[in-house]
Amino acid sequence: MSGTTIAFADLQNRIWAILTGAGMSDVQADAVARVIAAGERDACKSHGIFRIEGVLRTLRAGKVRGDAVPAIADLEDGAIVRIDGQHGFSSPAFELGLPLLVDRAKAFGLAAMVINDCTHFSALWPEVEAVAGHGLAAIVMCPSYATVAPWGGSEPLFGTNPFAFGWPRQQVEPYVFDFATSVAARGEIELHRRAGTPLPQGWAIDAQGEPTTSPEAALAGAMLPFGGHKGSALSTMIELLAGVMIGDLTSAGALEALGTTALSPAHGELVIAFSPERFAAGRPGDPFARAETLFEAIVGQGARLPSQRRFAARRKAETEGIVLTEAELQHLDRLAALGLAAAD
């Protein structure tokens, strides 16, 4: 691939400069830039610098606070850690609550972090990887805004409603999966629109509820859940656990509050951490060794563990740098020059 090579830290600094130049505080910009740069590092283009414009648009519209300082809202010693996002982005709120979540999970065997009143713009693998980095298993989920029809329905009701899981491993990357409960992430449809390429069959329906391969018709209609009724049920579960149960917005409520799908949605997020040692205490065998036996059996059949392509891209980027095209570099320059005006 031709282009210019840039180090991860340099890319993160360029993104940080764009965000702070647009009025974001260090607290917000540090965490958001780290997540966006990680998307490029891991070759997840739909979650990399592509996301900067959406962040700027949401700031420009006044739908997220770029100077928000997240706060610990619950100082009790129980297994639930509650973080008030203060209407800022979810990444700094998560980073604030992570140490407390880890301490509680190791003390009780499991703990949950509830993040309320935050704007979410990214994938969930940064969260599960961060928890797994402390030797804990993790489940993370959140709603989005209503762009997905329930199975058998014809109108948007669910969000893409991502769901992620992480399991810690020694001296290798954790076992991680992270997927939308829709057939594809909305960003993938937007990338097809920009490229002028049709969608695969079965991704979406148009405004009349008919199947479509047109990205424009899909964006005006609704995406579909993956796996038919199974994905629809999982999406409903996420609405209940990460919306209703934590006292925050469902995807339908998030869209109503936002008024558009052109901005990043505000809602809540649920992070659950588990201590494998505590759960396996008193039982035969080491849970981490037993997990490795399972992973070896999977790979031994010729199957691939999820996230391996992403981890391979990360290792390459860490040694060789991140390759950006000239168009991508010019895009970063434009965003830096225009600031919030780039959102126009």
C-alpha atoms as a PDB file:
ATOM      1  CA  MET A   1       0.000   0.000   0.000  1.00  0.00           C
ATOM      2  CA  SER A   2       1.484   3.343  -1.020  1.00  0.00           C
ATOM      3  CA  GLY A   3       1.296   6.357   1.233  1.00  0.00           C
ATOM      4  CA  THR A   4       3.045   8.095   4.094  1.00  0.00           C
ATOM      5  CA  THR A   5       4.035   6.280   7.273  1.00  0.00           C
ATOM      6  CA  ILE A   6       3.257   7.933  10.594  1.00  0.00           C
ATOM      7  CA  ALA A   7       3.889   6.718  14.137  1.00  0.00           C
ATOM      8  CA  PHE A   8       0.908   6.005  16.387  1.00  0.00           C
ATOM      9  CA  ALA A   9       1.891   8.736  18.846  1.00  0.00           C
ATOM     10  CA  ASP A  10       2.245  11.266  16.026  1.00  0.00           C
ATOM     11  CA  LEU A  11      -1.158  10.382  14.612  1.00  0.00           C
ATOM     12  CA  GLN A  12      -2.719  10.618  18.061  1.00  0.00           C
ATOM     13  CA  ASN A  13      -1.147  14.058  18.518  1.00  0.00           C
ATOM     14  CA  ARG A  14      -2.475  15.237  15.152  1.00  0.00           C
ATOM     15  CA  ILE A  15      -5.983  14.114  16.071  1.00  0.00           C
ATOM     16  CA  TRP A  16      -5.635  15.693  19.526  1.00  0.00           C
ATOM     17  CA  ALA A  17      -4.622  18.990  17.909  1.00  0.00           C
ATOM     18  CA  ILE A  18      -7.700  18.908  15.671  1.00  0.00           C
ATOM     19  CA  LEU A  19      -9.993  18.248  18.620  1.00  0.00           C
ATOM     20  CA  THR A  20      -8.476  20.808  20.980  1.00  0.00           C
ATOM     21  CA  GLY A  21      -8.395  23.307  18.135  1.00  0.00           C
ATOM     22  CA  ALA A  22     -12.137  22.782  17.842  1.00  0.00           C
ATOM     23  CA  GLY A  23     -12.577  23.621  21.530  1.00  0.00           C
ATOM     24  CA  MET A  24     -12.359  20.259  23.258  1.00  0.00           C
ATOM     25  CA  SER A  25     -10.606  20.070  26.621  1.00  0.00           C
ATOM     26  CA  ASP A  26      -7.570  17.888  27.220  1.00  0.00           C
ATOM     27  CA  VAL A  27      -9.675  15.479  29.283  1.00  0.00           C
ATOM     28  CA  GLN A  28     -12.017  14.847  26.370  1.00  0.00           C
ATOM     29  CA  ALA A  29      -9.533  15.147  23.498  1.00  0.00           C
ATOM     30  CA  ASP A  30      -6.898  12.832  25.014  1.00  0.00           C
ATOM     31  CA  ALA A  31      -9.243   9.862  25.314  1.00  0.00           C
ATOM     32  CA  VAL A  32     -11.090  10.442  22.034  1.00  0.00           C
ATOM     33  CA  ALA A  33      -7.862  10.880  20.041  1.00  0.00           C
ATOM     34  CA  ARG A  34      -6.438   7.691  21.548  1.00  0.00           C
ATOM     35  CA  VAL A  35      -9.467   5.657  20.436  1.00  0.00           C
ATOM     36  CA  ILE A  36      -9.537   7.119  16.911  1.00  0.00           C
ATOM     37  CA  ALA A  37      -5.787   6.591  16.419  1.00  0.00           C
ATOM     38  CA  ALA A  38      -6.194   3.010  17.657  1.00  0.00           C
ATOM     39  CA  GLY A  39      -8.779   2.412  14.941  1.00  0.00           C
ATOM     40  CA  GLU A  40      -6.242   3.400  12.268  1.00  0.00           C
ATOM     41  CA  ARG A  41      -3.476   1.404  13.954  1.00  0.00           C
ATOM     42  CA  ASP A  42      -5.626  -1.720  13.913  1.00  0.00           C
ATOM     43  CA  ALA A  43      -6.737  -1.185  10.275  1.00  0.00           C
ATOM     44  CA  CYS A  44     -10.338  -0.559  11.352  1.00  0.00           C
ATOM     45  CA  LYS A  45     -10.858   2.257   8.859  1.00  0.00           C
ATOM     46  CA  SER A  46     -14.530   2.758   9.683  1.00  0.00           C
ATOM     47  CA  HIS A  47     -13.516   3.576  13.283  1.00  0.00           C
ATOM     48  CA  GLY A  48     -10.401   5.588  12.525  1.00  0.00           C
ATOM     49  CA  ILE A  49      -9.979   9.147  11.239  1.00  0.00           C
ATOM     50  CA  PHE A  50     -13.292   8.707   9.431  1.00  0.00           C
ATOM     51  CA  ARG A  51     -14.893   9.338  12.844  1.00  0.00           C
ATOM     52  CA  ILE A  52     -13.354  12.779  13.391  1.00  0.00           C
ATOM     53  CA  GLU A  53     -15.923  14.582  11.250  1.00  0.00           C
ATOM     54  CA  GLY A  54     -18.765  13.053  13.245  1.00  0.00           C
ATOM     55  CA  VAL A  55     -17.142  14.212  16.479  1.00  0.00           C
ATOM     56  CA  LEU A  56     -16.812  17.736  15.101  1.00  0.00           C
ATOM     57  CA  ARG A  57     -20.383  17.781  13.781  1.00  0.00           C
ATOM     58  CA  THR A  58     -21.710  16.686  17.163  1.00  0.00           C
ATOM     59  CA  LEU A  59     -19.666  19.377  18.921  1.00  0.00           C
ATOM     60  CA  ARG A  60     -20.803  22.003  16.434  1.00  0.00           C
ATOM     61  CA  ALA A  61     -24.452  21.055  16.970  1.00  0.00           C
ATOM     62  CA  GLY A  62     -24.076  21.413  20.739  1.00  0.00           C
ATOM     63  CA  LYS A  63     -25.142  17.805  21.287  1.00  0.00           C
ATOM     64  CA  VAL A  64     -22.017  16.900  23.285  1.00  0.00           C
ATOM     65  CA  ARG A  65     -19.933  18.896  25.756  1.00  0.00           C
ATOM     66  CA  GLY A  66     -16.358  19.150  24.613  1.00  0.00           C
ATOM     67  CA  ASP A  67     -15.292  20.467  28.020  1.00  0.00           C
ATOM     68  CA  ALA A  68     -17.144  17.894  30.128  1.00  0.00           C
ATOM     69  CA  VAL A  69     -15.385  16.500  33.195  1.00  0.00           C
ATOM     70  CA  PRO A  70     -16.786  13.025  33.968  1.00  0.00           C
ATOM     71  CA  ALA A  71     -17.392  12.253  37.617  1.00  0.00           C
ATOM     72  CA  ILE A  72     -17.781   9.215  39.843  1.00  0.00           C
ATOM     73  CA  ALA A  73     -21.438   9.370  40.773  1.00  0.00           C
ATOM     74  CA  ASP A  74     -21.491   6.522  43.282  1.00  0.00           C
ATOM     75  CA  LEU A  75     -18.992   6.426  46.156  1.00  0.00           C
ATOM     76  CA  GLU A  76     -20.480   3.325  47.790  1.00  0.00           C
ATOM     77  CA  ASP A  77     -18.432   0.135  48.124  1.00  0.00           C
ATOM     78  CA  GLY A  78     -20.790  -2.141  46.199  1.00  0.00           C
ATOM     79  CA  ALA A  79     -20.280  -3.990  42.924  1.00  0.00           C
ATOM     80  CA  ILE A  80     -21.857  -1.253  40.785  1.00  0.00           C
ATOM     81  CA  VAL A  81     -19.662   1.668  39.776  1.00  0.00           C
ATOM     82  CA  ARG A  82     -21.637   4.574  38.349  1.00  0.00           C
ATOM     83  CA  ILE A  83     -19.942   7.224  36.240  1.00  0.00           C
ATOM     84  CA  ASP A  84     -21.645  10.455  35.201  1.00  0.00           C
ATOM     85  CA  GLY A  85     -20.393  11.313  31.723  1.00  0.00           C
ATOM     86  CA  GLN A  86     -21.573  14.916  32.206  1.00  0.00           C
ATOM     87  CA  HIS A  87     -22.776  14.868  28.577  1.00  0.00           C
ATOM     88  CA  GLY A  88     -19.256  14.406  27.240  1.00  0.00           C
ATOM     89  CA  PHE A  89     -17.829  11.505  25.260  1.00  0.00           C
ATOM     90  CA  SER A  90     -17.860   7.999  26.685  1.00  0.00           C
ATOM     91  CA  SER A  91     -14.103   7.344  26.368  1.00  0.00           C
ATOM     92  CA  PRO A  92     -12.924   9.699  29.157  1.00  0.00           C
ATOM     93  CA  ALA A  93     -15.773   8.513  31.386  1.00  0.00           C
ATOM     94  CA  PHE A  94     -14.686   4.904  30.893  1.00  0.00           C
ATOM     95  CA  GLU A  95     -11.052   5.735  31.613  1.00  0.00           C
ATOM     96  CA  LEU A  96     -12.075   7.485  34.831  1.00  0.00           C
ATOM     97  CA  GLY A  97     -14.065   4.512  36.089  1.00  0.00           C
ATOM     98  CA  LEU A  98     -11.762   1.690  34.978  1.00  0.00           C
ATOM     99  CA  PRO A  99      -9.494   1.569  38.073  1.00  0.00           C
ATOM    100  CA  LEU A 100     -12.503   1.452  40.381  1.00  0.00           C
ATOM    101  CA  LEU A 101     -14.172  -1.230  38.251  1.00  0.00           C
ATOM    102  CA  VAL A 102     -11.024  -3.360  38.369  1.00  0.00           C
ATOM    103  CA  ASP A 103     -10.709  -3.018  42.143  1.00  0.00           C
ATOM    104  CA  ARG A 104     -14.357  -3.949  42.712  1.00  0.00           C
ATOM    105  CA  ALA A 105     -14.252  -6.916  40.314  1.00  0.00           C
ATOM    106  CA  LYS A 106     -11.180  -8.346  42.026  1.00  0.00           C
ATOM    107  CA  ALA A 107     -12.759  -7.804  45.441  1.00  0.00           C
ATOM    108  CA  PHE A 108     -16.202  -9.242  44.676  1.00  0.00           C
ATOM    109  CA  GLY A 109     -15.512 -11.540  41.732  1.00  0.00           C
ATOM    110  CA  LEU A 110     -17.570  -9.366  39.422  1.00  0.00           C
ATOM    111  CA  ALA A 111     -18.507  -5.709  39.121  1.00  0.00           C
ATOM    112  CA  ALA A 112     -20.348  -3.482  36.694  1.00  0.00           C
ATOM    113  CA  MET A 113     -19.637   0.027  35.499  1.00  0.00           C
ATOM    114  CA  VAL A 114     -22.627   2.082  34.460  1.00  0.00           C
ATOM    115  CA  ILE A 115     -21.799   5.140  32.364  1.00  0.00           C
ATOM    116  CA  ASN A 116     -24.699   7.556  32.092  1.00  0.00           C
ATOM    117  CA  ASP A 117     -25.195  10.664  29.957  1.00  0.00           C
ATOM    118  CA  CYS A 118     -22.372  10.105  27.507  1.00  0.00           C
ATOM    119  CA  THR A 119     -21.943  10.332  23.755  1.00  0.00           C
ATOM    120  CA  HIS A 120     -20.609   7.197  22.081  1.00  0.00           C
ATOM    121  CA  PHE A 121     -18.849   7.298  18.718  1.00  0.00           C
ATOM    122  CA  SER A 122     -16.587   4.248  18.492  1.00  0.00           C
ATOM    123  CA  ALA A 123     -16.206   0.485  18.716  1.00  0.00           C
ATOM    124  CA  LEU A 124     -16.246  -1.309  22.070  1.00  0.00           C
ATOM    125  CA  TRP A 125     -13.031  -3.316  21.762  1.00  0.00           C
ATOM    126  CA  PRO A 126     -10.972  -0.549  23.434  1.00  0.00           C
ATOM    127  CA  GLU A 127     -13.028  -1.078  26.582  1.00  0.00           C
ATOM    128  CA  VAL A 128     -12.912  -4.877  26.705  1.00  0.00           C
ATOM    129  CA  GLU A 129      -9.188  -4.894  25.909  1.00  0.00           C
ATOM    130  CA  ALA A 130      -8.535  -2.407  28.709  1.00  0.00           C
ATOM    131  CA  VAL A 131     -10.417  -4.552  31.226  1.00  0.00           C
ATOM    132  CA  ALA A 132      -8.754  -7.747  29.995  1.00  0.00           C
ATOM    133  CA  GLY A 133      -5.405  -6.036  30.448  1.00  0.00           C
ATOM    134  CA  HIS A 134      -6.048  -6.271  34.200  1.00  0.00           C
ATOM    135  CA  GLY A 135      -6.610 -10.032  34.087  1.00  0.00           C
ATOM    136  CA  LEU A 136     -10.411  -9.776  33.996  1.00  0.00           C
ATOM    137  CA  ALA A 137     -12.995 -10.998  31.538  1.00  0.00           C
ATOM    138  CA  ALA A 138     -15.395  -8.337  30.287  1.00  0.00           C
ATOM    139  CA  ILE A 139     -18.702  -7.803  28.538  1.00  0.00           C
ATOM    140  CA  VAL A 140     -19.531  -4.340  27.185  1.00  0.00           C
ATOM    141  CA  MET A 141     -22.679  -3.158  25.437  1.00  0.00           C
ATOM    142  CA  CYS A 142     -24.566   0.000  24.551  1.00  0.00           C
ATOM    143  CA  PRO A 143     -27.523   1.081  22.423  1.00  0.00           C
ATOM    144  CA  SER A 144     -27.128   3.618  19.622  1.00  0.00           C
ATOM    145  CA  TYR A 145     -29.820   5.549  17.752  1.00  0.00           C
ATOM    146  CA  ALA A 146     -32.691   3.858  15.962  1.00  0.00           C
ATOM    147  CA  THR A 147     -31.483   2.768  12.515  1.00  0.00           C
ATOM    148  CA  VAL A 148     -32.225  -0.982  12.614  1.00  0.00           C
ATOM    149  CA  ALA A 149     -35.595  -2.617  12.100  1.00  0.00           C
ATOM    150  CA  PRO A 150     -36.556  -5.559  14.323  1.00  0.00           C
ATOM    151  CA  TRP A 151     -36.708  -8.879  12.508  1.00  0.00           C
ATOM    152  CA  GLY A 152     -40.008  -8.952  10.624  1.00  0.00           C
ATOM    153  CA  GLY A 153     -40.478  -5.206  11.074  1.00  0.00           C
ATOM    154  CA  SER A 154     -40.137  -2.379   8.581  1.00  0.00           C
ATOM    155  CA  GLU A 155     -39.094   0.713  10.556  1.00  0.00           C
ATOM    156  CA  PRO A 156     -35.994   1.640  12.578  1.00  0.00           C
ATOM    157  CA  LEU A 157     -36.339   0.837  16.284  1.00  0.00           C
ATOM    158  CA  PHE A 158     -33.008  -0.573  17.481  1.00  0.00           C
ATOM    159  CA  GLY A 159     -29.546   0.862  17.143  1.00  0.00           C
ATOM    160  CA  THR A 160     -26.609  -1.049  15.742  1.00  0.00           C
ATOM    161  CA  ASN A 161     -26.277  -1.998  19.429  1.00  0.00           C
ATOM    162  CA  PRO A 162     -22.695  -3.259  19.646  1.00  0.00           C
ATOM    163  CA  PHE A 163     -21.727  -6.078  21.984  1.00  0.00           C
ATOM    164  CA  ALA A 164     -18.142  -6.969  22.930  1.00  0.00           C
ATOM    165  CA  PHE A 165     -16.434  -9.644  25.016  1.00  0.00           C
ATOM    166  CA  GLY A 166     -12.834 -10.000  26.170  1.00  0.00           C
ATOM    167  CA  TRP A 167     -10.909 -12.803  27.914  1.00  0.00           C
ATOM    168  CA  PRO A 168      -7.398 -12.170  29.289  1.00  0.00           C
ATOM    169  CA  ARG A 169      -4.451 -14.219  28.031  1.00  0.00           C
ATOM    170  CA  GLN A 170      -0.827 -14.255  29.146  1.00  0.00           C
ATOM    171  CA  GLN A 171       1.818 -12.851  26.783  1.00  0.00           C
ATOM    172  CA  VAL A 172      -0.564 -12.727  23.826  1.00  0.00           C
ATOM    173  CA  GLU A 173      -3.428 -10.454  22.940  1.00  0.00           C
ATOM    174  CA  PRO A 174      -6.728 -11.186  24.713  1.00  0.00           C
ATOM    175  CA  TYR A 175      -9.519 -13.154  23.109  1.00  0.00           C
ATOM    176  CA  VAL A 176     -11.812 -10.367  21.875  1.00  0.00           C
ATOM    177  CA  PHE A 177     -14.903 -10.117  19.762  1.00  0.00           C
ATOM    178  CA  ASP A 178     -16.818  -6.938  19.073  1.00  0.00           C
ATOM    179  CA  PHE A 179     -19.729  -6.762  16.695  1.00  0.00           C
ATOM    180  CA  ALA A 180     -22.818  -4.794  15.935  1.00  0.00           C
ATOM    181  CA  THR A 181     -26.065  -6.699  16.311  1.00  0.00           C
ATOM    182  CA  SER A 182     -27.008  -5.254  12.933  1.00  0.00           C
ATOM    183  CA  VAL A 183     -25.683  -7.026   9.824  1.00  0.00           C
ATOM    184  CA  ALA A 184     -23.041  -4.300   9.520  1.00  0.00           C
ATOM    185  CA  ALA A 185     -21.981  -1.173  11.341  1.00  0.00           C
ATOM    186  CA  ARG A 186     -23.592   2.005  10.033  1.00  0.00           C
ATOM    187  CA  GLY A 187     -20.131   3.334   9.252  1.00  0.00           C
ATOM    188  CA  GLU A 188     -19.671   0.497   6.753  1.00  0.00           C
ATOM    189  CA  ILE A 189     -22.767   1.626   4.857  1.00  0.00           C
ATOM    190  CA  GLU A 190     -21.493   5.197   4.856  1.00  0.00           C
ATOM    191  CA  LEU A 191     -18.162   3.990   3.437  1.00  0.00           C
ATOM    192  CA  HIS A 192     -20.035   2.179   0.646  1.00  0.00           C
ATOM    193  CA  ARG A 193     -21.939   5.390  -0.065  1.00  0.00           C
ATOM    194  CA  ARG A 194     -18.745   7.411  -0.306  1.00  0.00           C
ATOM    195  CA  ALA A 195     -17.133   4.802  -2.541  1.00  0.00           C
ATOM    196  CA  GLY A 196     -20.199   4.522  -4.779  1.00  0.00           C
ATOM    197  CA  THR A 197     -20.407   0.751  -4.298  1.00  0.00           C
ATOM    198  CA  PRO A 198     -23.568  -1.306  -3.675  1.00  0.00           C
ATOM    199  CA  LEU A 199     -24.294  -3.048  -0.407  1.00  0.00           C
ATOM    200  CA  PRO A 200     -24.369  -6.829  -0.139  1.00  0.00           C
ATOM    201  CA  GLN A 201     -27.811  -8.368  -0.270  1.00  0.00           C
ATOM    202  CA  GLY A 202     -29.546  -8.682   3.091  1.00  0.00           C
ATOM    203  CA  TRP A 203     -27.968  -5.669   4.754  1.00  0.00           C
ATOM    204  CA  ALA A 204     -30.841  -3.215   4.607  1.00  0.00           C
ATOM    205  CA  ILE A 205     -34.339  -2.230   3.569  1.00  0.00           C
ATOM    206  CA  ASP A 206     -35.518   1.054   2.048  1.00  0.00           C
ATOM    207  CA  ALA A 207     -38.073   3.495   3.447  1.00  0.00           C
ATOM    208  CA  GLN A 208     -40.882   1.312   2.058  1.00  0.00           C
ATOM    209  CA  GLY A 209     -39.546  -1.774   3.830  1.00  0.00           C
ATOM    210  CA  GLU A 210     -38.236  -3.381   0.646  1.00  0.00           C
ATOM    211  CA  PRO A 211     -34.771  -4.997   0.379  1.00  0.00           C
ATOM    212  CA  THR A 212     -32.147  -2.672  -1.104  1.00  0.00           C
ATOM    213  CA  THR A 213     -28.468  -2.658  -2.048  1.00  0.00           C
ATOM    214  CA  SER A 214     -28.360   1.132  -2.385  1.00  0.00           C
ATOM    215  CA  PRO A 215     -26.400   2.806   0.436  1.00  0.00           C
ATOM    216  CA  GLU A 216     -28.511   5.958   0.050  1.00  0.00           C
ATOM    217  CA  ALA A 217     -31.768   3.998   0.276  1.00  0.00           C
ATOM    218  CA  ALA A 218     -30.437   2.038   3.233  1.00  0.00           C
ATOM    219  CA  LEU A 219     -29.503   5.206   5.114  1.00  0.00           C
ATOM    220  CA  ALA A 220     -33.007   6.544   4.459  1.00  0.00           C
ATOM    221  CA  GLY A 221     -34.615   3.240   5.424  1.00  0.00           C
ATOM    222  CA  ALA A 222     -33.314   0.764   7.974  1.00  0.00           C
ATOM    223  CA  MET A 223     -30.551  -1.751   8.485  1.00  0.00           C
ATOM    224  CA  LEU A 224     -31.344  -5.325   9.422  1.00  0.00           C
ATOM    225  CA  PRO A 225     -30.254  -7.373  12.459  1.00  0.00           C
ATOM    226  CA  PHE A 226     -27.719 -10.110  11.845  1.00  0.00           C
ATOM    227  CA  GLY A 227     -28.936 -13.670  12.080  1.00  0.00           C
ATOM    228  CA  GLY A 228     -32.592 -12.721  11.693  1.00  0.00           C
ATOM    229  CA  HIS A 229     -34.604 -13.259  14.882  1.00  0.00           C
ATOM    230  CA  LYS A 230     -31.465 -14.141  16.882  1.00  0.00           C
ATOM    231  CA  GLY A 231     -29.773 -10.800  16.250  1.00  0.00           C
ATOM    232  CA  SER A 232     -33.069  -9.046  16.879  1.00  0.00           C
ATOM    233  CA  ALA A 233     -33.367 -10.727  20.289  1.00  0.00           C
ATOM    234  CA  LEU A 234     -29.786  -9.809  21.229  1.00  0.00           C
ATOM    235  CA  SER A 235     -30.430  -6.220  20.186  1.00  0.00           C
ATOM    236  CA  THR A 236     -33.526  -6.165  22.398  1.00  0.00           C
ATOM    237  CA  MET A 237     -31.450  -7.480  25.304  1.00  0.00           C
ATOM    238  CA  ILE A 238     -28.987  -4.625  24.868  1.00  0.00           C
ATOM    239  CA  GLU A 239     -31.793  -2.063  24.803  1.00  0.00           C
ATOM    240  CA  LEU A 240     -33.029  -3.505  28.101  1.00  0.00           C
ATOM    241  CA  LEU A 241     -29.708  -3.930  29.928  1.00  0.00           C
ATOM    242  CA  ALA A 242     -27.781  -0.906  28.636  1.00  0.00           C
ATOM    243  CA  GLY A 243     -30.753   1.407  28.254  1.00  0.00           C
ATOM    244  CA  VAL A 244     -33.777   0.611  30.398  1.00  0.00           C
ATOM    245  CA  MET A 245     -31.945  -1.092  33.293  1.00  0.00           C
ATOM    246  CA  ILE A 246     -29.328   1.647  33.755  1.00  0.00           C
ATOM    247  CA  GLY A 247     -31.905   4.416  33.535  1.00  0.00           C
ATOM    248  CA  ASP A 248     -30.658   5.836  30.261  1.00  0.00           C
ATOM    249  CA  LEU A 249     -31.945   6.265  26.723  1.00  0.00           C
ATOM    250  CA  THR A 250     -32.926   3.436  24.414  1.00  0.00           C
ATOM    251  CA  SER A 251     -31.998   3.770  20.749  1.00  0.00           C
ATOM    252  CA  ALA A 252     -35.407   5.202  19.903  1.00  0.00           C
ATOM    253  CA  GLY A 253     -35.073   7.759  22.694  1.00  0.00           C
ATOM    254  CA  ALA A 254     -31.542   8.633  21.591  1.00  0.00           C
ATOM    255  CA  LEU A 255     -32.703   9.362  18.043  1.00  0.00           C
ATOM    256  CA  GLU A 256     -35.602  11.449  19.318  1.00  0.00           C
ATOM    257  CA  ALA A 257     -33.249  13.496  21.504  1.00  0.00           C
ATOM    258  CA  LEU A 258     -30.682  13.887  18.731  1.00  0.00           C
ATOM    259  CA  GLY A 259     -33.111  14.546  15.891  1.00  0.00           C
ATOM    260  CA  THR A 260     -30.736  13.200  13.222  1.00  0.00           C
ATOM    261  CA  THR A 261     -28.462  10.268  12.402  1.00  0.00           C
ATOM    262  CA  ALA A 262     -25.710  12.632  11.203  1.00  0.00           C
ATOM    263  CA  LEU A 263     -24.399  13.139  14.751  1.00  0.00           C
ATOM    264  CA  SER A 264     -22.990  10.815  17.414  1.00  0.00           C
ATOM    265  CA  PRO A 265     -25.715   9.531  19.766  1.00  0.00           C
ATOM    266  CA  ALA A 266     -26.003  10.197  23.491  1.00  0.00           C
ATOM    267  CA  HIS A 267     -27.090   7.335  25.756  1.00  0.00           C
ATOM    268  CA  GLY A 268     -25.453   5.066  28.343  1.00  0.00           C
ATOM    269  CA  GLU A 269     -23.006   2.175  28.406  1.00  0.00           C
ATOM    270  CA  LEU A 270     -22.729  -0.970  30.523  1.00  0.00           C
ATOM    271  CA  VAL A 271     -19.389  -2.633  31.313  1.00  0.00           C
ATOM    272  CA  ILE A 272     -19.324  -5.895  33.294  1.00  0.00           C
ATOM    273  CA  ALA A 273     -16.027  -7.315  34.588  1.00  0.00           C
ATOM    274  CA  PHE A 274     -15.438 -10.842  35.921  1.00  0.00           C
ATOM    275  CA  SER A 275     -12.542 -12.342  37.855  1.00  0.00           C
ATOM    276  CA  PRO A 276     -11.927 -15.862  36.455  1.00  0.00           C
ATOM    277  CA  GLU A 277      -9.909 -16.818  39.563  1.00  0.00           C
ATOM    278  CA  ARG A 278     -12.731 -15.857  41.901  1.00  0.00           C
ATOM    279  CA  PHE A 279     -15.356 -17.705  39.866  1.00  0.00           C
ATOM    280  CA  ALA A 280     -13.192 -20.833  39.592  1.00  0.00           C
ATOM    281  CA  ALA A 281     -12.043 -20.793  43.237  1.00  0.00           C
ATOM    282  CA  GLY A 282     -12.175 -24.230  44.835  1.00  0.00           C
ATOM    283  CA  ARG A 283     -12.673 -26.020  41.523  1.00  0.00           C
ATOM    284  CA  PRO A 284     -10.035 -28.150  39.783  1.00  0.00           C
ATOM    285  CA  GLY A 285      -7.866 -26.608  37.097  1.00  0.00           C
ATOM    286  CA  ASP A 286      -6.564 -23.149  36.249  1.00  0.00           C
ATOM    287  CA  PRO A 287      -9.243 -21.211  34.297  1.00  0.00           C
ATOM    288  CA  PHE A 288      -6.618 -19.482  32.152  1.00  0.00           C
ATOM    289  CA  ALA A 289      -4.898 -22.763  31.267  1.00  0.00           C
ATOM    290  CA  ARG A 290      -8.247 -24.357  30.460  1.00  0.00           C
ATOM    291  CA  ALA A 291      -9.108 -21.397  28.234  1.00  0.00           C
ATOM    292  CA  GLU A 292      -5.843 -21.864  26.334  1.00  0.00           C
ATOM    293  CA  THR A 293      -6.746 -25.508  25.753  1.00  0.00           C
ATOM    294  CA  LEU A 294     -10.007 -24.340  24.195  1.00  0.00           C
ATOM    295  CA  PHE A 295      -8.297 -21.743  22.007  1.00  0.00           C
ATOM    296  CA  GLU A 296      -5.729 -24.322  20.851  1.00  0.00           C
ATOM    297  CA  ALA A 297      -8.547 -26.698  19.912  1.00  0.00           C
ATOM    298  CA  ILE A 298     -10.239 -23.979  17.861  1.00  0.00           C
ATOM    299  CA  VAL A 299      -7.064 -23.015  16.015  1.00  0.00           C
ATOM    300  CA  GLY A 300      -6.105 -26.682  15.655  1.00  0.00           C
ATOM    301  CA  GLN A 301      -9.118 -27.196  13.411  1.00  0.00           C
ATOM    302  CA  GLY A 302      -7.943 -24.436  11.099  1.00  0.00           C
ATOM    303  CA  ALA A 303     -10.350 -21.869  12.513  1.00  0.00           C
ATOM    304  CA  ARG A 304      -9.312 -18.329  13.364  1.00  0.00           C
ATOM    305  CA  LEU A 305      -9.852 -16.585  16.675  1.00  0.00           C
ATOM    306  CA  PRO A 306     -11.682 -13.260  16.315  1.00  0.00           C
ATOM    307  CA  SER A 307      -9.673 -10.012  16.186  1.00  0.00           C
ATOM    308  CA  GLN A 308      -6.539 -11.765  14.877  1.00  0.00           C
ATOM    309  CA  ARG A 309      -6.519  -9.664  11.703  1.00  0.00           C
ATOM    310  CA  ARG A 310      -6.777  -6.556  13.846  1.00  0.00           C
ATOM    311  CA  PHE A 311      -4.001  -7.670  16.181  1.00  0.00           C
ATOM    312  CA  ALA A 312      -1.755  -8.516  13.222  1.00  0.00           C
ATOM    313  CA  ALA A 313      -2.329  -5.032  11.812  1.00  0.00           C
ATOM    314  CA  ARG A 314      -1.494  -3.574  15.232  1.00  0.00           C
ATOM    315  CA  ARG A 315       1.779  -5.466  15.495  1.00  0.00           C
ATOM    316  CA  LYS A 316       2.761  -4.305  12.034  1.00  0.00           C
ATOM    317  CA  ALA A 317       1.841  -0.699  12.812  1.00  0.00           C
ATOM    318  CA  GLU A 318       3.793  -0.788  16.055  1.00  0.00           C
ATOM    319  CA  THR A 319       6.964  -1.795  14.235  1.00  0.00           C
ATOM    320  CA  GLU A 320       6.501  -0.142  10.838  1.00  0.00           C
ATOM    321  CA  GLY A 321       4.102   2.712  11.549  1.00  0.00           C
ATOM    322  CA  ILE A 322       0.619   3.527  10.252  1.00  0.00           C
ATOM    323  CA  VAL A 323       0.272   4.141   6.515  1.00  0.00           C
ATOM    324  CA  LEU A 324      -2.029   6.993   5.482  1.00  0.00           C
ATOM    325  CA  THR A 325      -2.805   7.938   1.915  1.00  0.00           C
ATOM    326  CA  GLU A 326      -2.137  11.416   0.611  1.00  0.00           C
ATOM    327  CA  ALA A 327      -5.893  12.031   0.557  1.00  0.00           C
ATOM    328  CA  GLU A 328      -6.150  11.029   4.226  1.00  0.00           C
ATOM    329  CA  LEU A 329      -3.284  13.328   5.196  1.00  0.00           C
ATOM    330  CA  GLN A 330      -4.872  16.192   3.287  1.00  0.00           C
ATOM    331  CA  HIS A 331      -8.129  15.438   5.076  1.00  0.00           C
ATOM    332  CA  LEU A 332      -6.381  15.753   8.444  1.00  0.00           C
ATOM    333  CA  ASP A 333      -4.797  19.026   7.329  1.00  0.00           C
ATOM    334  CA  ARG A 334      -8.197  20.345   6.285  1.00  0.00           C
ATOM    335  CA  LEU A 335      -9.773  19.401   9.617  1.00  0.00           C
ATOM    336  CA  ALA A 336      -6.915  21.079  11.490  1.00  0.00           C
ATOM    337  CA  ALA A 337      -7.233  24.240   9.426  1.00  0.00           C
ATOM    338  CA  LEU A 338     -10.999  24.561   9.594  1.00  0.00           C
ATOM    339  CA  GLY A 339     -11.746  23.251  13.097  1.00  0.00           C
ATOM    340  CA  LEU A 340     -15.467  23.249  13.830  1.00  0.00           C
ATOM    341  CA  ALA A 341     -16.120  24.864  10.451  1.00  0.00           C
ATOM    342  CA  ALA A 342     -15.139  21.516   8.886  1.00  0.00           C
ATOM    343  CA  ALA A 343     -18.429  20.203  10.247  1.00  0.00           C
ATOM    344  CA  ASP A 344     -20.248  22.332   7.681  1.00  0.00           C
END
